[in-house]
Amino acid sequence: METIGRIAGVSQVTVSRAMNDPEKVSAKTLQRIHEAIELTGYVPNMVAGALASRRSKLIAALVPSITNVIYADMMQYFINVIRESGYHVLMAETGFSQDEEQAVISTMLSRRPDGILLTGISHSAGSKRMLLGAGIPVIEVWDITENPLDVCIGFSHIKTGEEMARYAFMKGYEHALIVSAGDERALRRKDAFAKQFGKLTGNAPTEVLYNNPATIERGRKGLASGLEKGFKNGIVMCSSDLLAHGILIEAQSRGLRIPEDIAVLGFGNQNFSASTLPALTSVQVDRSHLGQQAAQALIARIENQPLPTNTIDIGFEIIERAST
């Protein structure tokens, strides 16, 4: 900072003020300081600065997967709003492990973020203690609860599963196969679908469950396993569009007609879903709206602005296409 001051022709105190309280420095002086910073490649120690200003201008964001498009899309819209607000995002992947999430939360909090985004509402006791002790705004997304850590924005996975079952019944399907990944939110949708479908039809669905994340390969194997278990015709409820895509491929390889022999219902309405053969019926959650809402709520909490509610339900919609 002393070198920056010499190049810009100002004191070290003025450089410090320009970093931490720029509105108190004239525009011409700020320009000279920024030119000196660019010349030297100086990177301010924001953690040290945060001790005085109590703002690091960093947001921590934790997602289960950086390759899954439903999280990637949401994060892109989240980051766009955060960036426009003058903050930057540190993002980390946690898988679907509470232990890994706790380890990442510990690491992120050591960087003194101004706020944190979490995926889901289920966290370890250690994670909750750290987050409550940190005293920073917390936004939980992709789920809702009446008792969030701070603010939650998402939709009900139980209602989603129930609505998928009602849709299947309305379309006249009396038998169902569930192919699901084993993460906590997928299992809640699965259980809600099974309960509601059984209540409406009197027939319990056949189930094929995976502890691993969804893939096209597991979708193909899921249908094969379901057929081996006795599923013959009806609707296949999938916890993700990736599994559903695999099921479409496996069905066609076996000469099964869709939707005449089996129907396929996905979740996530991924970008490819309208282009499969046949086009895939899927549950849509507005990922752009979710990301923007999460960013706006987090910035509002950081800036001590009031929110009308701490639980924001963005809902969902079943997009009907040829697979059902």
C-alpha atoms as a PDB file:
ATOM      1  CA  MET A   1       0.000   0.000   0.000  1.00  0.00           C
ATOM      2  CA  GLU A   2       2.977   2.292   0.635  1.00  0.00           C
ATOM      3  CA  THR A   3       4.192   1.626  -2.915  1.00  0.00           C
ATOM      4  CA  ILE A   4       0.725   2.316  -4.309  1.00  0.00           C
ATOM      5  CA  GLY A   5       0.670   5.612  -2.433  1.00  0.00           C
ATOM      6  CA  ARG A   6       4.058   6.675  -3.821  1.00  0.00           C
ATOM      7  CA  ILE A   7       3.010   5.883  -7.394  1.00  0.00           C
ATOM      8  CA  ALA A   8      -0.352   7.643  -6.999  1.00  0.00           C
ATOM      9  CA  GLY A   9       1.167  10.591  -5.128  1.00  0.00           C
ATOM     10  CA  VAL A  10      -0.958  10.088  -2.008  1.00  0.00           C
ATOM     11  CA  SER A  11      -0.438   8.866   1.532  1.00  0.00           C
ATOM     12  CA  GLN A  12      -0.799   5.250   2.626  1.00  0.00           C
ATOM     13  CA  VAL A  13      -3.791   6.345   4.707  1.00  0.00           C
ATOM     14  CA  THR A  14      -5.509   7.629   1.555  1.00  0.00           C
ATOM     15  CA  VAL A  15      -4.879   4.315  -0.189  1.00  0.00           C
ATOM     16  CA  SER A  16      -6.417   2.485   2.762  1.00  0.00           C
ATOM     17  CA  ARG A  17      -9.414   4.806   2.714  1.00  0.00           C
ATOM     18  CA  ALA A  18      -9.846   4.229  -1.026  1.00  0.00           C
ATOM     19  CA  MET A  19      -9.957   0.466  -0.397  1.00  0.00           C
ATOM     20  CA  ASN A  20     -12.345   0.489   2.536  1.00  0.00           C
ATOM     21  CA  ASP A  21     -14.394   3.682   2.155  1.00  0.00           C
ATOM     22  CA  PRO A  22     -14.053   4.869  -1.461  1.00  0.00           C
ATOM     23  CA  GLU A  23     -16.918   7.384  -1.261  1.00  0.00           C
ATOM     24  CA  LYS A  24     -14.692   9.484   1.011  1.00  0.00           C
ATOM     25  CA  VAL A  25     -12.026   9.824  -1.682  1.00  0.00           C
ATOM     26  CA  SER A  26     -12.307  12.161  -4.684  1.00  0.00           C
ATOM     27  CA  ALA A  27     -12.886  10.638  -8.111  1.00  0.00           C
ATOM     28  CA  LYS A  28      -9.545  11.861  -9.452  1.00  0.00           C
ATOM     29  CA  THR A  29      -7.636  10.432  -6.499  1.00  0.00           C
ATOM     30  CA  LEU A  30      -9.492   7.113  -6.805  1.00  0.00           C
ATOM     31  CA  GLN A  31      -8.557   6.928 -10.475  1.00  0.00           C
ATOM     32  CA  ARG A  32      -4.861   7.496  -9.710  1.00  0.00           C
ATOM     33  CA  ILE A  33      -4.938   4.834  -7.000  1.00  0.00           C
ATOM     34  CA  HIS A  34      -6.698   2.322  -9.271  1.00  0.00           C
ATOM     35  CA  GLU A  35      -4.147   2.992 -12.018  1.00  0.00           C
ATOM     36  CA  ALA A  36      -1.334   2.363  -9.521  1.00  0.00           C
ATOM     37  CA  ILE A  37      -3.000  -0.862  -8.374  1.00  0.00           C
ATOM     38  CA  GLU A  38      -3.302  -2.045 -11.966  1.00  0.00           C
ATOM     39  CA  LEU A  39       0.324  -1.135 -12.625  1.00  0.00           C
ATOM     40  CA  THR A  40       1.661  -3.090  -9.647  1.00  0.00           C
ATOM     41  CA  GLY A  41      -0.792  -6.008  -9.679  1.00  0.00           C
ATOM     42  CA  TYR A  42      -1.569  -5.410  -6.009  1.00  0.00           C
ATOM     43  CA  VAL A  43      -4.381  -7.543  -4.535  1.00  0.00           C
ATOM     44  CA  PRO A  44      -5.897  -6.065  -1.348  1.00  0.00           C
ATOM     45  CA  ASN A  45      -6.026  -8.319   1.718  1.00  0.00           C
ATOM     46  CA  MET A  46      -9.801  -8.447   1.979  1.00  0.00           C
ATOM     47  CA  VAL A  47      -9.778 -10.692   5.059  1.00  0.00           C
ATOM     48  CA  ALA A  48      -7.680  -8.156   6.953  1.00  0.00           C
ATOM     49  CA  GLY A  49      -9.889  -5.378   5.653  1.00  0.00           C
ATOM     50  CA  ALA A  50     -12.982  -7.235   6.783  1.00  0.00           C
ATOM     51  CA  LEU A  51     -11.767  -7.090  10.380  1.00  0.00           C
ATOM     52  CA  ALA A  52     -12.149  -3.324  10.269  1.00  0.00           C
ATOM     53  CA  SER A  53     -15.027  -2.870   7.820  1.00  0.00           C
ATOM     54  CA  ARG A  54     -16.906  -6.073   8.766  1.00  0.00           C
ATOM     55  CA  ARG A  55     -17.449  -6.691   5.041  1.00  0.00           C
ATOM     56  CA  SER A  56     -15.437  -9.104   2.915  1.00  0.00           C
ATOM     57  CA  LYS A  57     -17.631  -8.675  -0.221  1.00  0.00           C
ATOM     58  CA  LEU A  58     -17.524 -12.470  -0.561  1.00  0.00           C
ATOM     59  CA  ILE A  59     -20.497 -14.854  -0.711  1.00  0.00           C
ATOM     60  CA  ALA A  60     -19.997 -18.581  -0.069  1.00  0.00           C
ATOM     61  CA  ALA A  61     -22.184 -20.950  -2.114  1.00  0.00           C
ATOM     62  CA  LEU A  62     -22.410 -24.717  -1.551  1.00  0.00           C
ATOM     63  CA  VAL A  63     -24.024 -27.010  -4.138  1.00  0.00           C
ATOM     64  CA  PRO A  64     -24.178 -30.821  -4.360  1.00  0.00           C
ATOM     65  CA  SER A  65     -22.836 -30.952  -7.926  1.00  0.00           C
ATOM     66  CA  ILE A  66     -21.224 -28.460 -10.290  1.00  0.00           C
ATOM     67  CA  THR A  67     -21.872 -30.718 -13.307  1.00  0.00           C
ATOM     68  CA  ASN A  68     -25.621 -31.133 -12.772  1.00  0.00           C
ATOM     69  CA  VAL A  69     -27.303 -28.570 -15.005  1.00  0.00           C
ATOM     70  CA  ILE A  70     -30.135 -27.829 -12.574  1.00  0.00           C
ATOM     71  CA  TYR A  71     -27.624 -26.518 -10.031  1.00  0.00           C
ATOM     72  CA  ALA A  72     -25.357 -24.951 -12.669  1.00  0.00           C
ATOM     73  CA  ASP A  73     -28.228 -22.963 -14.188  1.00  0.00           C
ATOM     74  CA  MET A  74     -29.423 -21.724 -10.810  1.00  0.00           C
ATOM     75  CA  MET A  75     -25.906 -20.681  -9.815  1.00  0.00           C
ATOM     76  CA  GLN A  76     -25.360 -18.732 -13.024  1.00  0.00           C
ATOM     77  CA  TYR A  77     -28.381 -16.539 -12.308  1.00  0.00           C
ATOM     78  CA  PHE A  78     -27.419 -16.301  -8.643  1.00  0.00           C
ATOM     79  CA  ILE A  79     -23.875 -15.186  -9.500  1.00  0.00           C
ATOM     80  CA  ASN A  80     -25.104 -12.613 -12.033  1.00  0.00           C
ATOM     81  CA  VAL A  81     -27.198 -10.818  -9.405  1.00  0.00           C
ATOM     82  CA  ILE A  82     -24.498 -11.122  -6.736  1.00  0.00           C
ATOM     83  CA  ARG A  83     -21.888  -9.661  -9.100  1.00  0.00           C
ATOM     84  CA  GLU A  84     -24.142  -6.745 -10.031  1.00  0.00           C
ATOM     85  CA  SER A  85     -24.464  -5.987  -6.313  1.00  0.00           C
ATOM     86  CA  GLY A  86     -20.684  -5.639  -5.919  1.00  0.00           C
ATOM     87  CA  TYR A  87     -20.034  -9.034  -4.315  1.00  0.00           C
ATOM     88  CA  HIS A  88     -18.201 -12.127  -5.527  1.00  0.00           C
ATOM     89  CA  VAL A  89     -19.000 -15.818  -5.062  1.00  0.00           C
ATOM     90  CA  LEU A  90     -16.819 -18.609  -3.680  1.00  0.00           C
ATOM     91  CA  MET A  91     -18.497 -21.850  -4.774  1.00  0.00           C
ATOM     92  CA  ALA A  92     -17.814 -25.365  -3.522  1.00  0.00           C
ATOM     93  CA  GLU A  93     -19.206 -28.824  -4.300  1.00  0.00           C
ATOM     94  CA  THR A  94     -20.393 -30.930  -1.366  1.00  0.00           C
ATOM     95  CA  GLY A  95     -21.846 -34.002  -3.053  1.00  0.00           C
ATOM     96  CA  PHE A  96     -24.857 -35.147  -1.044  1.00  0.00           C
ATOM     97  CA  SER A  97     -22.876 -35.695   2.166  1.00  0.00           C
ATOM     98  CA  GLN A  98     -23.630 -33.790   5.356  1.00  0.00           C
ATOM     99  CA  ASP A  99     -20.108 -34.509   6.600  1.00  0.00           C
ATOM    100  CA  GLU A 100     -18.571 -32.997   3.469  1.00  0.00           C
ATOM    101  CA  GLU A 101     -20.913 -30.027   3.726  1.00  0.00           C
ATOM    102  CA  GLN A 102     -19.811 -29.464   7.326  1.00  0.00           C
ATOM    103  CA  ALA A 103     -16.137 -29.535   6.325  1.00  0.00           C
ATOM    104  CA  VAL A 104     -16.753 -27.047   3.508  1.00  0.00           C
ATOM    105  CA  ILE A 105     -18.793 -24.752   5.757  1.00  0.00           C
ATOM    106  CA  SER A 106     -15.894 -24.668   8.234  1.00  0.00           C
ATOM    107  CA  THR A 107     -13.442 -23.761   5.476  1.00  0.00           C
ATOM    108  CA  MET A 108     -15.721 -21.145   3.959  1.00  0.00           C
ATOM    109  CA  LEU A 109     -16.477 -19.456   7.271  1.00  0.00           C
ATOM    110  CA  SER A 110     -12.741 -19.085   7.902  1.00  0.00           C
ATOM    111  CA  ARG A 111     -12.704 -16.761   4.858  1.00  0.00           C
ATOM    112  CA  ARG A 112     -15.235 -14.505   6.599  1.00  0.00           C
ATOM    113  CA  PRO A 113     -17.957 -14.415   3.904  1.00  0.00           C
ATOM    114  CA  ASP A 114     -20.723 -11.838   4.246  1.00  0.00           C
ATOM    115  CA  GLY A 115     -23.362 -14.503   3.581  1.00  0.00           C
ATOM    116  CA  ILE A 116     -23.744 -18.136   2.585  1.00  0.00           C
ATOM    117  CA  LEU A 117     -25.968 -20.120   0.211  1.00  0.00           C
ATOM    118  CA  LEU A 118     -26.751 -23.743   1.082  1.00  0.00           C
ATOM    119  CA  THR A 119     -28.566 -26.390  -0.968  1.00  0.00           C
ATOM    120  CA  GLY A 120     -31.347 -28.056   0.987  1.00  0.00           C
ATOM    121  CA  ILE A 121     -32.614 -27.752   4.539  1.00  0.00           C
ATOM    122  CA  SER A 122     -31.019 -30.862   6.090  1.00  0.00           C
ATOM    123  CA  HIS A 123     -27.660 -30.159   7.730  1.00  0.00           C
ATOM    124  CA  SER A 124     -25.546 -31.750  10.442  1.00  0.00           C
ATOM    125  CA  ALA A 125     -25.733 -30.480  14.004  1.00  0.00           C
ATOM    126  CA  GLY A 126     -22.140 -29.248  13.669  1.00  0.00           C
ATOM    127  CA  SER A 127     -22.992 -27.261  10.544  1.00  0.00           C
ATOM    128  CA  LYS A 128     -25.949 -25.624  12.261  1.00  0.00           C
ATOM    129  CA  ARG A 129     -23.832 -24.642  15.270  1.00  0.00           C
ATOM    130  CA  MET A 130     -21.177 -23.059  13.050  1.00  0.00           C
ATOM    131  CA  LEU A 131     -23.712 -21.166  10.948  1.00  0.00           C
ATOM    132  CA  LEU A 132     -25.661 -19.857  13.915  1.00  0.00           C
ATOM    133  CA  GLY A 133     -22.417 -18.907  15.654  1.00  0.00           C
ATOM    134  CA  ALA A 134     -21.122 -17.041  12.598  1.00  0.00           C
ATOM    135  CA  GLY A 135     -24.034 -14.639  12.730  1.00  0.00           C
ATOM    136  CA  ILE A 136     -24.172 -14.116   8.953  1.00  0.00           C
ATOM    137  CA  PRO A 137     -27.170 -14.358   6.609  1.00  0.00           C
ATOM    138  CA  VAL A 138     -27.927 -17.893   5.387  1.00  0.00           C
ATOM    139  CA  ILE A 139     -30.095 -18.743   2.386  1.00  0.00           C
ATOM    140  CA  GLU A 140     -31.232 -22.357   1.957  1.00  0.00           C
ATOM    141  CA  VAL A 141     -32.471 -23.223  -1.557  1.00  0.00           C
ATOM    142  CA  TRP A 142     -34.232 -26.091  -3.383  1.00  0.00           C
ATOM    143  CA  ASP A 143     -36.457 -26.805  -0.404  1.00  0.00           C
ATOM    144  CA  ILE A 144     -38.790 -25.112   2.050  1.00  0.00           C
ATOM    145  CA  THR A 145     -39.468 -25.423   5.749  1.00  0.00           C
ATOM    146  CA  GLU A 146     -41.344 -23.399   8.326  1.00  0.00           C
ATOM    147  CA  ASN A 147     -38.165 -23.251  10.427  1.00  0.00           C
ATOM    148  CA  PRO A 148     -35.220 -22.261   8.206  1.00  0.00           C
ATOM    149  CA  LEU A 149     -31.843 -21.347   9.645  1.00  0.00           C
ATOM    150  CA  ASP A 150     -32.493 -17.857   8.279  1.00  0.00           C
ATOM    151  CA  VAL A 151     -34.285 -17.742   4.901  1.00  0.00           C
ATOM    152  CA  CYS A 152     -35.288 -20.627   2.609  1.00  0.00           C
ATOM    153  CA  ILE A 153     -36.347 -20.411  -1.037  1.00  0.00           C
ATOM    154  CA  GLY A 154     -37.611 -23.408  -2.978  1.00  0.00           C
ATOM    155  CA  PHE A 155     -40.566 -25.747  -3.246  1.00  0.00           C
ATOM    156  CA  SER A 156     -42.131 -28.709  -1.468  1.00  0.00           C
ATOM    157  CA  HIS A 157     -40.705 -32.041  -2.601  1.00  0.00           C
ATOM    158  CA  ILE A 158     -43.574 -33.848  -0.884  1.00  0.00           C
ATOM    159  CA  LYS A 159     -46.158 -31.836  -2.829  1.00  0.00           C
ATOM    160  CA  THR A 160     -44.153 -32.440  -6.004  1.00  0.00           C
ATOM    161  CA  GLY A 161     -44.258 -36.219  -5.527  1.00  0.00           C
ATOM    162  CA  GLU A 162     -47.974 -36.111  -4.725  1.00  0.00           C
ATOM    163  CA  GLU A 163     -48.741 -34.014  -7.806  1.00  0.00           C
ATOM    164  CA  MET A 164     -46.733 -36.383 -10.018  1.00  0.00           C
ATOM    165  CA  ALA A 165     -48.875 -39.247  -8.681  1.00  0.00           C
ATOM    166  CA  ARG A 166     -52.111 -37.343  -9.299  1.00  0.00           C
ATOM    167  CA  TYR A 167     -50.959 -36.571 -12.834  1.00  0.00           C
ATOM    168  CA  ALA A 168     -50.202 -40.259 -13.481  1.00  0.00           C
ATOM    169  CA  PHE A 169     -53.643 -41.245 -12.158  1.00  0.00           C
ATOM    170  CA  MET A 170     -55.361 -38.538 -14.216  1.00  0.00           C
ATOM    171  CA  LYS A 171     -53.672 -39.915 -17.352  1.00  0.00           C
ATOM    172  CA  GLY A 172     -55.148 -43.345 -16.587  1.00  0.00           C
ATOM    173  CA  TYR A 173     -52.042 -45.259 -15.472  1.00  0.00           C
ATOM    174  CA  GLU A 174     -52.799 -47.937 -12.889  1.00  0.00           C
ATOM    175  CA  HIS A 175     -49.275 -49.288 -12.397  1.00  0.00           C
ATOM    176  CA  ALA A 176     -46.018 -47.449 -11.743  1.00  0.00           C
ATOM    177  CA  LEU A 177     -42.294 -48.034 -11.540  1.00  0.00           C
ATOM    178  CA  ILE A 178     -40.143 -45.621  -9.538  1.00  0.00           C
ATOM    179  CA  VAL A 179     -36.485 -45.204 -10.496  1.00  0.00           C
ATOM    180  CA  SER A 180     -34.771 -42.859  -8.069  1.00  0.00           C
ATOM    181  CA  ALA A 181     -31.403 -41.634  -6.868  1.00  0.00           C
ATOM    182  CA  GLY A 182     -30.822 -41.823  -3.127  1.00  0.00           C
ATOM    183  CA  ASP A 183     -30.376 -38.201  -2.100  1.00  0.00           C
ATOM    184  CA  GLU A 184     -32.668 -36.962   0.633  1.00  0.00           C
ATOM    185  CA  ARG A 185     -34.835 -34.699  -1.545  1.00  0.00           C
ATOM    186  CA  ALA A 186     -35.295 -37.344  -4.252  1.00  0.00           C
ATOM    187  CA  LEU A 187     -36.365 -39.868  -1.613  1.00  0.00           C
ATOM    188  CA  ARG A 188     -38.992 -37.502  -0.244  1.00  0.00           C
ATOM    189  CA  ARG A 189     -40.466 -37.097  -3.735  1.00  0.00           C
ATOM    190  CA  LYS A 190     -40.329 -40.859  -4.190  1.00  0.00           C
ATOM    191  CA  ASP A 191     -42.085 -41.612  -0.905  1.00  0.00           C
ATOM    192  CA  ALA A 192     -44.785 -39.001  -1.525  1.00  0.00           C
ATOM    193  CA  PHE A 193     -45.416 -40.355  -5.037  1.00  0.00           C
ATOM    194  CA  ALA A 194     -45.624 -43.969  -3.813  1.00  0.00           C
ATOM    195  CA  LYS A 195     -48.030 -43.117  -1.014  1.00  0.00           C
ATOM    196  CA  GLN A 196     -50.317 -40.975  -3.166  1.00  0.00           C
ATOM    197  CA  PHE A 197     -50.261 -43.329  -6.156  1.00  0.00           C
ATOM    198  CA  GLY A 198     -51.096 -46.285  -3.928  1.00  0.00           C
ATOM    199  CA  LYS A 199     -53.963 -44.355  -2.361  1.00  0.00           C
ATOM    200  CA  LEU A 200     -55.404 -43.393  -5.766  1.00  0.00           C
ATOM    201  CA  THR A 201     -54.986 -46.716  -7.578  1.00  0.00           C
ATOM    202  CA  GLY A 202     -54.724 -49.326  -4.855  1.00  0.00           C
ATOM    203  CA  ASN A 203     -51.451 -50.510  -6.419  1.00  0.00           C
ATOM    204  CA  ALA A 204     -48.076 -49.994  -4.770  1.00  0.00           C
ATOM    205  CA  PRO A 205     -45.374 -48.922  -7.256  1.00  0.00           C
ATOM    206  CA  THR A 206     -42.374 -51.117  -8.016  1.00  0.00           C
ATOM    207  CA  GLU A 207     -39.180 -49.367  -6.843  1.00  0.00           C
ATOM    208  CA  VAL A 208     -35.573 -49.312  -8.054  1.00  0.00           C
ATOM    209  CA  LEU A 209     -33.313 -47.135  -5.907  1.00  0.00           C
ATOM    210  CA  TYR A 210     -29.692 -46.022  -6.312  1.00  0.00           C
ATOM    211  CA  ASN A 211     -27.443 -44.559  -3.630  1.00  0.00           C
ATOM    212  CA  ASN A 212     -25.368 -42.922  -6.355  1.00  0.00           C
ATOM    213  CA  PRO A 213     -26.209 -39.810  -8.401  1.00  0.00           C
ATOM    214  CA  ALA A 214     -28.448 -40.109 -11.438  1.00  0.00           C
ATOM    215  CA  THR A 215     -26.939 -41.061 -14.805  1.00  0.00           C
ATOM    216  CA  ILE A 216     -28.291 -42.224 -18.161  1.00  0.00           C
ATOM    217  CA  GLU A 217     -26.683 -45.625 -17.561  1.00  0.00           C
ATOM    218  CA  ARG A 218     -28.502 -46.036 -14.248  1.00  0.00           C
ATOM    219  CA  GLY A 219     -31.735 -45.087 -15.980  1.00  0.00           C
ATOM    220  CA  ARG A 220     -31.266 -47.907 -18.487  1.00  0.00           C
ATOM    221  CA  LYS A 221     -30.406 -50.374 -15.731  1.00  0.00           C
ATOM    222  CA  GLY A 222     -33.314 -49.109 -13.658  1.00  0.00           C
ATOM    223  CA  LEU A 223     -35.866 -49.996 -16.310  1.00  0.00           C
ATOM    224  CA  ALA A 224     -34.221 -53.383 -16.869  1.00  0.00           C
ATOM    225  CA  SER A 225     -34.382 -54.079 -13.134  1.00  0.00           C
ATOM    226  CA  GLY A 226     -37.986 -52.927 -12.930  1.00  0.00           C
ATOM    227  CA  LEU A 227     -39.005 -55.238 -15.742  1.00  0.00           C
ATOM    228  CA  GLU A 228     -37.241 -58.113 -13.988  1.00  0.00           C
ATOM    229  CA  LYS A 229     -39.248 -57.295 -10.852  1.00  0.00           C
ATOM    230  CA  GLY A 230     -42.485 -57.661 -12.775  1.00  0.00           C
ATOM    231  CA  PHE A 231     -43.326 -54.183 -13.997  1.00  0.00           C
ATOM    232  CA  LYS A 232     -44.957 -54.591 -17.418  1.00  0.00           C
ATOM    233  CA  ASN A 233     -46.856 -51.470 -18.328  1.00  0.00           C
ATOM    234  CA  GLY A 234     -47.775 -48.166 -16.763  1.00  0.00           C
ATOM    235  CA  ILE A 235     -45.784 -45.064 -15.906  1.00  0.00           C
ATOM    236  CA  VAL A 236     -42.155 -44.763 -14.817  1.00  0.00           C
ATOM    237  CA  MET A 237     -41.596 -41.958 -12.282  1.00  0.00           C
ATOM    238  CA  CYS A 238     -37.971 -40.788 -12.291  1.00  0.00           C
ATOM    239  CA  SER A 239     -36.134 -38.636  -9.757  1.00  0.00           C
ATOM    240  CA  SER A 240     -34.309 -36.827 -12.571  1.00  0.00           C
ATOM    241  CA  ASP A 241     -34.400 -36.290 -16.308  1.00  0.00           C
ATOM    242  CA  LEU A 242     -31.070 -38.102 -16.673  1.00  0.00           C
ATOM    243  CA  LEU A 243     -32.621 -41.304 -15.373  1.00  0.00           C
ATOM    244  CA  ALA A 244     -35.668 -40.698 -17.555  1.00  0.00           C
ATOM    245  CA  HIS A 245     -33.465 -40.265 -20.631  1.00  0.00           C
ATOM    246  CA  GLY A 246     -31.815 -43.609 -19.905  1.00  0.00           C
ATOM    247  CA  ILE A 247     -35.215 -45.236 -19.539  1.00  0.00           C
ATOM    248  CA  LEU A 248     -36.322 -43.884 -22.930  1.00  0.00           C
ATOM    249  CA  ILE A 249     -33.213 -45.390 -24.534  1.00  0.00           C
ATOM    250  CA  GLU A 250     -33.625 -48.764 -22.798  1.00  0.00           C
ATOM    251  CA  ALA A 251     -37.319 -48.946 -23.669  1.00  0.00           C
ATOM    252  CA  GLN A 252     -36.621 -48.310 -27.334  1.00  0.00           C
ATOM    253  CA  SER A 253     -33.806 -50.873 -27.364  1.00  0.00           C
ATOM    254  CA  ARG A 254     -36.360 -53.440 -26.137  1.00  0.00           C
ATOM    255  CA  GLY A 255     -39.001 -52.447 -28.673  1.00  0.00           C
ATOM    256  CA  LEU A 256     -41.295 -50.919 -26.076  1.00  0.00           C
ATOM    257  CA  ARG A 257     -43.564 -48.173 -27.365  1.00  0.00           C
ATOM    258  CA  ILE A 258     -43.728 -44.871 -25.501  1.00  0.00           C
ATOM    259  CA  PRO A 259     -46.243 -43.949 -24.183  1.00  0.00           C
ATOM    260  CA  GLU A 260     -48.409 -46.883 -25.396  1.00  0.00           C
ATOM    261  CA  ASP A 261     -46.493 -49.596 -23.480  1.00  0.00           C
ATOM    262  CA  ILE A 262     -44.833 -47.457 -20.814  1.00  0.00           C
ATOM    263  CA  ALA A 263     -44.951 -43.734 -20.074  1.00  0.00           C
ATOM    264  CA  VAL A 264     -41.991 -41.814 -18.642  1.00  0.00           C
ATOM    265  CA  LEU A 265     -42.161 -38.860 -16.238  1.00  0.00           C
ATOM    266  CA  GLY A 266     -38.972 -36.996 -15.323  1.00  0.00           C
ATOM    267  CA  PHE A 267     -37.942 -34.255 -12.926  1.00  0.00           C
ATOM    268  CA  GLY A 268     -35.938 -31.093 -13.590  1.00  0.00           C
ATOM    269  CA  ASN A 269     -36.978 -30.253 -17.164  1.00  0.00           C
ATOM    270  CA  GLN A 270     -33.379 -30.112 -18.289  1.00  0.00           C
ATOM    271  CA  ASN A 271     -32.399 -28.436 -21.543  1.00  0.00           C
ATOM    272  CA  PHE A 272     -32.422 -31.720 -23.480  1.00  0.00           C
ATOM    273  CA  SER A 273     -35.849 -32.852 -22.251  1.00  0.00           C
ATOM    274  CA  ALA A 274     -37.837 -31.273 -25.076  1.00  0.00           C
ATOM    275  CA  SER A 275     -35.493 -32.847 -27.647  1.00  0.00           C
ATOM    276  CA  THR A 276     -35.537 -36.514 -26.608  1.00  0.00           C
ATOM    277  CA  LEU A 277     -37.451 -39.033 -28.726  1.00  0.00           C
ATOM    278  CA  PRO A 278     -40.206 -38.871 -27.723  1.00  0.00           C
ATOM    279  CA  ALA A 279     -40.043 -35.517 -25.929  1.00  0.00           C
ATOM    280  CA  LEU A 280     -39.959 -36.007 -22.159  1.00  0.00           C
ATOM    281  CA  THR A 281     -42.706 -34.952 -19.778  1.00  0.00           C
ATOM    282  CA  SER A 282     -40.982 -33.418 -16.757  1.00  0.00           C
ATOM    283  CA  VAL A 283     -41.449 -31.369 -13.611  1.00  0.00           C
ATOM    284  CA  GLN A 284     -40.124 -27.864 -14.108  1.00  0.00           C
ATOM    285  CA  VAL A 285     -38.700 -25.667 -11.365  1.00  0.00           C
ATOM    286  CA  ASP A 286     -37.845 -22.153 -12.536  1.00  0.00           C
ATOM    287  CA  ARG A 287     -34.090 -22.241 -11.922  1.00  0.00           C
ATOM    288  CA  SER A 288     -33.482 -18.694 -13.138  1.00  0.00           C
ATOM    289  CA  HIS A 289     -36.138 -17.318 -10.796  1.00  0.00           C
ATOM    290  CA  LEU A 290     -34.779 -19.399  -7.920  1.00  0.00           C
ATOM    291  CA  GLY A 291     -31.225 -18.144  -8.427  1.00  0.00           C
ATOM    292  CA  GLN A 292     -32.293 -14.527  -8.726  1.00  0.00           C
ATOM    293  CA  GLN A 293     -34.596 -14.728  -5.696  1.00  0.00           C
ATOM    294  CA  ALA A 294     -31.849 -16.318  -3.599  1.00  0.00           C
ATOM    295  CA  ALA A 295     -29.328 -13.632  -4.543  1.00  0.00           C
ATOM    296  CA  GLN A 296     -31.753 -10.782  -3.925  1.00  0.00           C
ATOM    297  CA  ALA A 297     -32.782 -12.186  -0.556  1.00  0.00           C
ATOM    298  CA  LEU A 298     -29.177 -12.704   0.518  1.00  0.00           C
ATOM    299  CA  ILE A 299     -28.151  -9.175  -0.459  1.00  0.00           C
ATOM    300  CA  ALA A 300     -31.198  -7.787   1.344  1.00  0.00           C
ATOM    301  CA  ARG A 301     -30.246  -9.666   4.506  1.00  0.00           C
ATOM    302  CA  ILE A 302     -26.617  -8.477   4.279  1.00  0.00           C
ATOM    303  CA  GLU A 303     -27.795  -4.883   3.858  1.00  0.00           C
ATOM    304  CA  ASN A 304     -30.254  -5.267   6.761  1.00  0.00           C
ATOM    305  CA  GLN A 305     -33.271  -4.735   4.514  1.00  0.00           C
ATOM    306  CA  PRO A 306     -36.568  -6.365   5.596  1.00  0.00           C
ATOM    307  CA  LEU A 307     -37.991  -9.392   3.804  1.00  0.00           C
ATOM    308  CA  PRO A 308     -41.752 -10.034   3.763  1.00  0.00           C
ATOM    309  CA  THR A 309     -41.240 -13.679   4.774  1.00  0.00           C
ATOM    310  CA  ASN A 310     -38.385 -16.041   5.590  1.00  0.00           C
ATOM    311  CA  THR A 311     -39.959 -18.907   3.587  1.00  0.00           C
ATOM    312  CA  ILE A 312     -40.408 -18.308  -0.147  1.00  0.00           C
ATOM    313  CA  ASP A 313     -42.205 -21.010  -2.163  1.00  0.00           C
ATOM    314  CA  ILE A 314     -41.540 -20.634  -5.917  1.00  0.00           C
ATOM    315  CA  GLY A 315     -43.645 -23.680  -6.809  1.00  0.00           C
ATOM    316  CA  PHE A 316     -43.275 -26.111  -9.716  1.00  0.00           C
ATOM    317  CA  GLU A 317     -45.070 -27.137 -12.909  1.00  0.00           C
ATOM    318  CA  ILE A 318     -45.486 -30.401 -14.834  1.00  0.00           C
ATOM    319  CA  ILE A 319     -44.566 -29.805 -18.483  1.00  0.00           C
ATOM    320  CA  GLU A 320     -46.486 -32.399 -20.501  1.00  0.00           C
ATOM    321  CA  ARG A 321     -44.880 -33.801 -23.629  1.00  0.00           C
ATOM    322  CA  ALA A 322     -45.112 -36.947 -25.763  1.00  0.00           C
ATOM    323  CA  SER A 323     -43.569 -39.413 -23.259  1.00  0.00           C
ATOM    324  CA  THR A 324     -46.819 -39.554 -21.304  1.00  0.00           C
END
